[in-house]
C-alpha atoms as a PDB file:
ATOM      1  CA  MET A   1      -0.881  49.835   6.456  1.00  0.00           C
ATOM      2  CA  THR A   2      -3.133  53.293   6.391  1.00  0.00           C
ATOM      3  CA  PHE A   3      -2.545  55.329   9.627  1.00  0.00           C
ATOM      4  CA  VAL A   4      -3.759  58.569  10.432  1.00  0.00           C
ATOM      5  CA  GLY A   5      -1.743  61.868   9.864  1.00  0.00           C
ATOM      6  CA  ILE A   6      -1.335  64.865  11.076  1.00  0.00           C
ATOM      7  CA  GLY A   7      -4.956  67.078  10.284  1.00  0.00           C
ATOM      8  CA  ASP A   8      -6.919  63.930  10.074  1.00  0.00           C
ATOM      9  CA  THR A   9      -5.089  62.756   6.055  1.00  0.00           C
ATOM     10  CA  PRO A  10      -4.741  59.366   5.573  1.00  0.00           C
ATOM     11  CA  ILE A  11      -0.461  57.865   4.793  1.00  0.00           C
ATOM     12  CA  THR A  12      -0.187  55.114   3.583  1.00  0.00           C
ATOM     13  CA  LEU A  13       3.295  53.238   4.144  1.00  0.00           C
ATOM     14  CA  SER A  14       3.984  49.823   3.133  1.00  0.00           C
ATOM     15  CA  GLY A  15       4.855  47.022   5.772  1.00  0.00           C
ATOM     16  CA  HIS A  16       7.956  46.743   4.940  1.00  0.00           C
ATOM     17  CA  ALA A  17       8.687  50.155   5.891  1.00  0.00           C
ATOM     18  CA  VAL A  18       6.985  50.112   9.078  1.00  0.00           C
ATOM     19  CA  GLY A  19       8.903  47.214  10.374  1.00  0.00           C
ATOM     20  CA  GLN A  20      11.963  49.544   9.027  1.00  0.00           C
ATOM     21  CA  ILE A  21      10.421  52.577  11.044  1.00  0.00           C
ATOM     22  CA  ALA A  22       9.743  50.756  13.808  1.00  0.00           C
ATOM     23  CA  GLU A  23      13.293  49.278  14.351  1.00  0.00           C
ATOM     24  CA  LEU A  24      14.618  52.001  14.377  1.00  0.00           C
ATOM     25  CA  LEU A  25      12.445  53.308  17.430  1.00  0.00           C
ATOM     26  CA  GLU A  26      13.683  50.013  18.838  1.00  0.00           C
ATOM     27  CA  HIS A  27      17.323  51.525  18.483  1.00  0.00           C
ATOM     28  CA  CYS A  28      16.698  54.562  20.010  1.00  0.00           C
ATOM     29  CA  GLU A  29      15.367  53.689  22.905  1.00  0.00           C
ATOM     30  CA  ALA A  30      17.418  50.458  23.472  1.00  0.00           C
ATOM     31  CA  PHE A  31      20.622  53.850  23.167  1.00  0.00           C
ATOM     32  CA  LEU A  32      18.709  55.950  24.977  1.00  0.00           C
ATOM     33  CA  ARG A  33      18.171  53.744  27.728  1.00  0.00           C
ATOM     34  CA  HIS A  34      21.423  53.007  28.526  1.00  0.00           C
ATOM     35  CA  ALA A  35      23.234  56.347  27.539  1.00  0.00           C
ATOM     36  CA  SER A  36      25.426  57.781  29.746  1.00  0.00           C
ATOM     37  CA  PRO A  37      25.264  60.188  32.015  1.00  0.00           C
ATOM     38  CA  ASN A  38      26.825  62.217  29.323  1.00  0.00           C
ATOM     39  CA  THR A  39      24.662  61.301  26.887  1.00  0.00           C
ATOM     40  CA  ARG A  40      21.001  62.174  28.981  1.00  0.00           C
ATOM     41  CA  ALA A  41      22.341  65.140  29.729  1.00  0.00           C
ATOM     42  CA  GLU A  42      22.510  66.296  26.250  1.00  0.00           C
ATOM     43  CA  LEU A  43      19.254  64.697  26.144  1.00  0.00           C
ATOM     44  CA  LEU A  44      18.024  66.333  29.222  1.00  0.00           C
ATOM     45  CA  GLY A  45      19.618  69.931  27.797  1.00  0.00           C
ATOM     46  CA  PHE A  46      18.235  69.199  24.309  1.00  0.00           C
ATOM     47  CA  LEU A  47      14.246  68.408  25.919  1.00  0.00           C
ATOM     48  CA  ASP A  48      14.428  71.661  28.285  1.00  0.00           C
ATOM     49  CA  GLN A  49      14.516  73.515  24.971  1.00  0.00           C
ATOM     50  CA  GLN A  50      11.402  72.442  23.431  1.00  0.00           C
ATOM     51  CA  PRO A  51       8.055  74.252  23.521  1.00  0.00           C
ATOM     52  CA  ALA A  52       6.475  71.029  25.780  1.00  0.00           C
ATOM     53  CA  ARG A  53       9.498  70.370  27.804  1.00  0.00           C
ATOM     54  CA  PRO A  54       8.563  66.501  27.462  1.00  0.00           C
ATOM     55  CA  ASP A  55      10.493  64.323  30.571  1.00  0.00           C
ATOM     56  CA  ALA A  56      13.277  62.068  29.576  1.00  0.00           C
ATOM     57  CA  GLY A  57      11.681  58.755  30.930  1.00  0.00           C
ATOM     58  CA  TRP A  58       8.643  59.692  29.282  1.00  0.00           C
ATOM     59  CA  LEU A  59      10.204  60.891  25.417  1.00  0.00           C
ATOM     60  CA  ILE A  60      12.335  56.776  25.916  1.00  0.00           C
ATOM     61  CA  ASP A  61       9.245  55.102  27.178  1.00  0.00           C
ATOM     62  CA  MET A  62       7.109  56.711  24.006  1.00  0.00           C
ATOM     63  CA  LEU A  63       9.307  55.528  21.693  1.00  0.00           C
ATOM     64  CA  GLY A  64       9.618  51.822  23.240  1.00  0.00           C
ATOM     65  CA  PHE A  65       5.653  52.016  23.231  1.00  0.00           C
ATOM     66  CA  ASP A  66       5.668  53.299  19.308  1.00  0.00           C
ATOM     67  CA  ALA A  67       7.775  50.280  18.167  1.00  0.00           C
ATOM     68  CA  LEU A  68       5.115  47.551  20.020  1.00  0.00           C
ATOM     69  CA  PHE A  69       2.089  49.726  18.568  1.00  0.00           C
ATOM     70  CA  LEU A  70       3.675  49.081  14.927  1.00  0.00           C
ATOM     71  CA  HIS A  71       4.594  45.638  15.646  1.00  0.00           C
ATOM     72  CA  ALA A  72       1.112  44.972  17.119  1.00  0.00           C
ATOM     73  CA  LYS A  73      -0.127  46.675  13.705  1.00  0.00           C
ATOM     74  CA  LEU A  74       2.092  44.370  11.342  1.00  0.00           C
ATOM     75  CA  ALA A  75       0.507  41.553  13.147  1.00  0.00           C
ATOM     76  CA  VAL A  76      -3.010  42.270  13.283  1.00  0.00           C
ATOM     77  CA  ALA A  77      -2.012  43.488   8.607  1.00  0.00           C
ATOM     78  CA  ALA A  78      -0.820  40.098   8.557  1.00  0.00           C
ATOM     79  CA  GLU A  79      -3.436  37.521  10.366  1.00  0.00           C
ATOM     80  CA  ALA A  80      -5.590  40.036   7.791  1.00  0.00           C
ATOM     81  CA  ALA A  81      -3.390  38.556   4.915  1.00  0.00           C
ATOM     82  CA  ALA A  82      -3.279  35.312   5.999  1.00  0.00           C
ATOM     83  CA  GLY A  83      -7.054  35.640   6.193  1.00  0.00           C
ATOM     84  CA  GLN A  84      -8.071  37.078   3.391  1.00  0.00           C
ATOM     85  CA  GLU A  85      -5.675  33.958   1.156  1.00  0.00           C
ATOM     86  CA  SER A  86      -7.335  31.012   3.221  1.00  0.00           C
ATOM     87  CA  SER A  87     -11.099  32.812   1.322  1.00  0.00           C
END
C-alpha cells in the first residue's frame, strides 16, 4: 500500500505492516479512552507541553479514526486484489 508522506513523498508499506499499525492505534485508543484519572492527568500534562497543544479527546478520537481509515484502506486493497485474481 502506498501513502503520501511528509512533503508529498510516497511511502509504501505492506498490508501486514498497515494492519499492525492499525491494531496498535486501536490498543492506544482503548487504553487512553478507559484510562484512570491519574493517567488522564499525565496525558494532559504531556499535551500541554506540545507546540500545537492538542486536546486529549481529540488525540484519542484521532487514534481511533486513523485505525478505521487504515482498516478501510486494507479492505479496498483486498477487494482490488480479489478483482484482479478473478480477471
